[in-house]
């Protein structure tokens, strides 16, 4: 796993973002949008929940083929090319992440973004993981 230094400050609840990792995701994806921000947060949250370390055998099943998927190759080193990223495009923002090294897995389902308020990436990058995702 590359550069997992993102966290929500436990005292102040502020997001401490790894700018270098974010920029790598944007470069890989090709543009800044809410979708890549959602994927960035999902990949980081999965890394935290599963205590993913460099060298772990990670596999992802994404229920969408849209923008969020592009964060996973950058952050968790899972891609279609290496056979560790599968897509079952059901149009849902749901990601099953398995750490085959530890035998643990998690399913993250993005909670619906409220109407109005912050747009796109600003919304996804300014909330805690728990606010953004339901964990199954």
C-alpha atoms as a PDB file:
ATOM      1  CA  UNK A   1       0.000   0.000   0.000  1.00  0.00           C
ATOM      2  CA  UNK A   2       1.412   3.351  -0.975  1.00  0.00           C
ATOM      3  CA  UNK A   3       1.799   6.198   1.489  1.00  0.00           C
ATOM      4  CA  UNK A   4      -1.068   5.512   3.877  1.00  0.00           C
ATOM      5  CA  UNK A   5      -0.830   8.662   6.020  1.00  0.00           C
ATOM      6  CA  UNK A   6      -4.357   9.987   5.722  1.00  0.00           C
ATOM      7  CA  UNK A   7      -6.443  10.185   8.850  1.00  0.00           C
ATOM      8  CA  UNK A   8      -9.202  12.086  10.543  1.00  0.00           C
ATOM      9  CA  UNK A   9      -7.847  13.796  13.633  1.00  0.00           C
ATOM     10  CA  UNK A  10      -9.502  12.030  16.607  1.00  0.00           C
ATOM     11  CA  UNK A  11      -9.636  15.200  18.719  1.00  0.00           C
ATOM     12  CA  UNK A  12     -10.673  17.859  16.238  1.00  0.00           C
ATOM     13  CA  UNK A  13     -12.278  15.681  13.565  1.00  0.00           C
ATOM     14  CA  UNK A  14     -10.296  17.499  10.897  1.00  0.00           C
ATOM     15  CA  UNK A  15      -9.174  15.750   7.752  1.00  0.00           C
ATOM     16  CA  UNK A  16      -5.388  15.483   7.413  1.00  0.00           C
ATOM     17  CA  UNK A  17      -4.900  14.831   3.726  1.00  0.00           C
ATOM     18  CA  UNK A  18      -1.913  13.237   2.033  1.00  0.00           C
ATOM     19  CA  UNK A  19      -1.568  15.728  -0.819  1.00  0.00           C
ATOM     20  CA  UNK A  20       1.026  13.673  -2.687  1.00  0.00           C
ATOM     21  CA  UNK A  21      -1.211  10.593  -2.719  1.00  0.00           C
ATOM     22  CA  UNK A  22      -4.258  12.658  -3.726  1.00  0.00           C
ATOM     23  CA  UNK A  23      -2.286  14.207  -6.613  1.00  0.00           C
ATOM     24  CA  UNK A  24      -1.211  10.741  -7.794  1.00  0.00           C
ATOM     25  CA  UNK A  25      -4.875   9.650  -7.849  1.00  0.00           C
ATOM     26  CA  UNK A  26      -5.892  12.733  -9.827  1.00  0.00           C
ATOM     27  CA  UNK A  27      -3.021  12.250 -12.282  1.00  0.00           C
ATOM     28  CA  UNK A  28      -3.956   8.598 -12.819  1.00  0.00           C
ATOM     29  CA  UNK A  29      -7.642   9.465 -13.233  1.00  0.00           C
ATOM     30  CA  UNK A  30      -7.028  12.470 -15.487  1.00  0.00           C
ATOM     31  CA  UNK A  31      -9.129  15.118 -13.735  1.00  0.00           C
ATOM     32  CA  UNK A  32     -10.437  16.262 -10.363  1.00  0.00           C
ATOM     33  CA  UNK A  33     -14.014  15.241  -9.605  1.00  0.00           C
ATOM     34  CA  UNK A  34     -16.248  14.016  -6.830  1.00  0.00           C
ATOM     35  CA  UNK A  35     -15.913  10.443  -8.050  1.00  0.00           C
ATOM     36  CA  UNK A  36     -12.158  10.214  -7.634  1.00  0.00           C
ATOM     37  CA  UNK A  37     -12.523  11.863  -4.207  1.00  0.00           C
ATOM     38  CA  UNK A  38     -15.070   9.216  -3.194  1.00  0.00           C
ATOM     39  CA  UNK A  39     -12.742   6.442  -4.368  1.00  0.00           C
ATOM     40  CA  UNK A  40      -9.786   8.039  -2.584  1.00  0.00           C
ATOM     41  CA  UNK A  41     -11.693   8.069   0.691  1.00  0.00           C
ATOM     42  CA  UNK A  42     -13.006   4.513   0.180  1.00  0.00           C
ATOM     43  CA  UNK A  43      -9.542   3.106  -0.522  1.00  0.00           C
ATOM     44  CA  UNK A  44      -8.060   4.851   2.502  1.00  0.00           C
ATOM     45  CA  UNK A  45     -10.901   3.765   4.779  1.00  0.00           C
ATOM     46  CA  UNK A  46     -10.529   0.156   3.636  1.00  0.00           C
ATOM     47  CA  UNK A  47      -6.807   0.409   4.327  1.00  0.00           C
ATOM     48  CA  UNK A  48      -7.508   1.629   7.827  1.00  0.00           C
ATOM     49  CA  UNK A  49     -10.241  -0.914   8.612  1.00  0.00           C
ATOM     50  CA  UNK A  50      -8.230  -3.856   7.332  1.00  0.00           C
ATOM     51  CA  UNK A  51      -4.871  -2.605   8.622  1.00  0.00           C
ATOM     52  CA  UNK A  52      -3.416  -3.060   5.127  1.00  0.00           C
ATOM     53  CA  UNK A  53       0.361  -3.083   4.918  1.00  0.00           C
ATOM     54  CA  UNK A  54       2.787  -3.052   1.991  1.00  0.00           C
ATOM     55  CA  UNK A  55       2.943  -6.516   0.474  1.00  0.00           C
ATOM     56  CA  UNK A  56      -0.533  -7.620   1.586  1.00  0.00           C
ATOM     57  CA  UNK A  57      -2.544  -9.504  -1.036  1.00  0.00           C
ATOM     58  CA  UNK A  58      -5.512  -7.196  -1.610  1.00  0.00           C
ATOM     59  CA  UNK A  59      -8.477  -7.922  -3.883  1.00  0.00           C
ATOM     60  CA  UNK A  60     -11.336  -5.543  -4.709  1.00  0.00           C
ATOM     61  CA  UNK A  61     -14.768  -6.103  -6.180  1.00  0.00           C
ATOM     62  CA  UNK A  62     -16.308  -2.789  -7.228  1.00  0.00           C
ATOM     63  CA  UNK A  63     -20.007  -2.445  -8.021  1.00  0.00           C
ATOM     64  CA  UNK A  64     -19.299   0.480 -10.344  1.00  0.00           C
ATOM     65  CA  UNK A  65     -17.053   1.124 -13.327  1.00  0.00           C
ATOM     66  CA  UNK A  66     -17.122   4.879 -12.773  1.00  0.00           C
ATOM     67  CA  UNK A  67     -14.550   7.365 -11.476  1.00  0.00           C
ATOM     68  CA  UNK A  68     -14.085   6.074  -7.890  1.00  0.00           C
ATOM     69  CA  UNK A  69     -12.467   2.870  -9.137  1.00  0.00           C
ATOM     70  CA  UNK A  70      -9.381   4.766 -10.343  1.00  0.00           C
ATOM     71  CA  UNK A  71      -8.209   5.456  -6.775  1.00  0.00           C
ATOM     72  CA  UNK A  72      -7.728   1.762  -5.968  1.00  0.00           C
ATOM     73  CA  UNK A  73      -4.784   1.050  -8.319  1.00  0.00           C
ATOM     74  CA  UNK A  74      -2.934   4.064  -6.915  1.00  0.00           C
ATOM     75  CA  UNK A  75      -3.599   3.538  -3.204  1.00  0.00           C
ATOM     76  CA  UNK A  76      -4.031  -0.223  -2.817  1.00  0.00           C
ATOM     77  CA  UNK A  77      -2.074  -1.321  -5.907  1.00  0.00           C
ATOM     78  CA  UNK A  78      -5.058  -3.305  -7.216  1.00  0.00           C
ATOM     79  CA  UNK A  79      -5.825  -3.140 -10.910  1.00  0.00           C
ATOM     80  CA  UNK A  80      -7.584  -5.108 -13.584  1.00  0.00           C
ATOM     81  CA  UNK A  81      -4.175  -5.707 -15.159  1.00  0.00           C
ATOM     82  CA  UNK A  82      -2.803  -7.476 -12.081  1.00  0.00           C
ATOM     83  CA  UNK A  83      -6.098  -9.327 -11.556  1.00  0.00           C
ATOM     84  CA  UNK A  84      -6.781  -7.805  -8.148  1.00  0.00           C
ATOM     85  CA  UNK A  85      -9.572  -5.427  -9.202  1.00  0.00           C
ATOM     86  CA  UNK A  86     -12.829  -6.823 -10.530  1.00  0.00           C
ATOM     87  CA  UNK A  87     -15.803  -4.774 -11.628  1.00  0.00           C
ATOM     88  CA  UNK A  88     -19.409  -5.954 -11.425  1.00  0.00           C
ATOM     89  CA  UNK A  89     -21.012  -2.759 -12.708  1.00  0.00           C
ATOM     90  CA  UNK A  90     -24.377  -2.537 -10.965  1.00  0.00           C
ATOM     91  CA  UNK A  91     -24.210   1.258 -10.787  1.00  0.00           C
ATOM     92  CA  UNK A  92     -23.723   1.256  -7.013  1.00  0.00           C
ATOM     93  CA  UNK A  93     -20.978   2.940  -5.025  1.00  0.00           C
ATOM     94  CA  UNK A  94     -20.089  -0.257  -3.206  1.00  0.00           C
ATOM     95  CA  UNK A  95     -16.626  -1.734  -2.784  1.00  0.00           C
ATOM     96  CA  UNK A  96     -15.734  -5.106  -1.301  1.00  0.00           C
ATOM     97  CA  UNK A  97     -12.128  -5.086  -0.205  1.00  0.00           C
ATOM     98  CA  UNK A  98     -10.427  -8.314   0.865  1.00  0.00           C
ATOM     99  CA  UNK A  99      -7.067  -8.604   2.560  1.00  0.00           C
ATOM    100  CA  UNK A 100      -6.239 -12.141   1.559  1.00  0.00           C
ATOM    101  CA  UNK A 101      -3.087 -12.031   3.666  1.00  0.00           C
ATOM    102  CA  UNK A 102      -5.026 -11.545   6.909  1.00  0.00           C
ATOM    103  CA  UNK A 103      -8.269 -13.184   5.799  1.00  0.00           C
ATOM    104  CA  UNK A 104     -10.279 -10.042   6.643  1.00  0.00           C
ATOM    105  CA  UNK A 105     -12.680  -8.250   4.342  1.00  0.00           C
ATOM    106  CA  UNK A 106     -15.010  -5.288   4.390  1.00  0.00           C
ATOM    107  CA  UNK A 107     -17.774  -3.919   2.175  1.00  0.00           C
ATOM    108  CA  UNK A 108     -18.030  -0.149   1.963  1.00  0.00           C
ATOM    109  CA  UNK A 109     -21.224   1.405   0.643  1.00  0.00           C
ATOM    110  CA  UNK A 110     -21.151   5.159   0.021  1.00  0.00           C
ATOM    111  CA  UNK A 111     -23.919   6.963   1.842  1.00  0.00           C
ATOM    112  CA  UNK A 112     -25.993   9.249  -0.404  1.00  0.00           C
ATOM    113  CA  UNK A 113     -24.686  12.803  -0.573  1.00  0.00           C
ATOM    114  CA  UNK A 114     -27.267  15.214   0.857  1.00  0.00           C
ATOM    115  CA  UNK A 115     -28.974  17.570  -1.581  1.00  0.00           C
ATOM    116  CA  UNK A 116     -27.458  21.042  -1.727  1.00  0.00           C
ATOM    117  CA  UNK A 117     -24.435  21.957   0.317  1.00  0.00           C
ATOM    118  CA  UNK A 118     -20.897  21.231  -0.776  1.00  0.00           C
ATOM    119  CA  UNK A 119     -20.302  19.898  -4.236  1.00  0.00           C
ATOM    120  CA  UNK A 120     -18.278  16.986  -5.523  1.00  0.00           C
ATOM    121  CA  UNK A 121     -14.792  16.575  -4.166  1.00  0.00           C
ATOM    122  CA  UNK A 122     -15.249  19.193  -1.430  1.00  0.00           C
ATOM    123  CA  UNK A 123     -17.986  17.092   0.132  1.00  0.00           C
ATOM    124  CA  UNK A 124     -16.146  13.771  -0.080  1.00  0.00           C
ATOM    125  CA  UNK A 125     -12.835  15.131   1.176  1.00  0.00           C
ATOM    126  CA  UNK A 126     -14.238  17.061   4.148  1.00  0.00           C
ATOM    127  CA  UNK A 127     -16.094  14.300   5.999  1.00  0.00           C
ATOM    128  CA  UNK A 128     -15.024  11.476   8.262  1.00  0.00           C
ATOM    129  CA  UNK A 129     -14.980   7.975   6.866  1.00  0.00           C
ATOM    130  CA  UNK A 130     -17.917   7.035   9.086  1.00  0.00           C
ATOM    131  CA  UNK A 131     -20.028   9.881   7.705  1.00  0.00           C
ATOM    132  CA  UNK A 132     -19.319   8.831   4.120  1.00  0.00           C
ATOM    133  CA  UNK A 133     -19.612   5.054   4.223  1.00  0.00           C
ATOM    134  CA  UNK A 134     -21.759   2.330   5.652  1.00  0.00           C
ATOM    135  CA  UNK A 135     -19.623  -0.652   6.581  1.00  0.00           C
ATOM    136  CA  UNK A 136     -21.082  -4.082   5.922  1.00  0.00           C
END
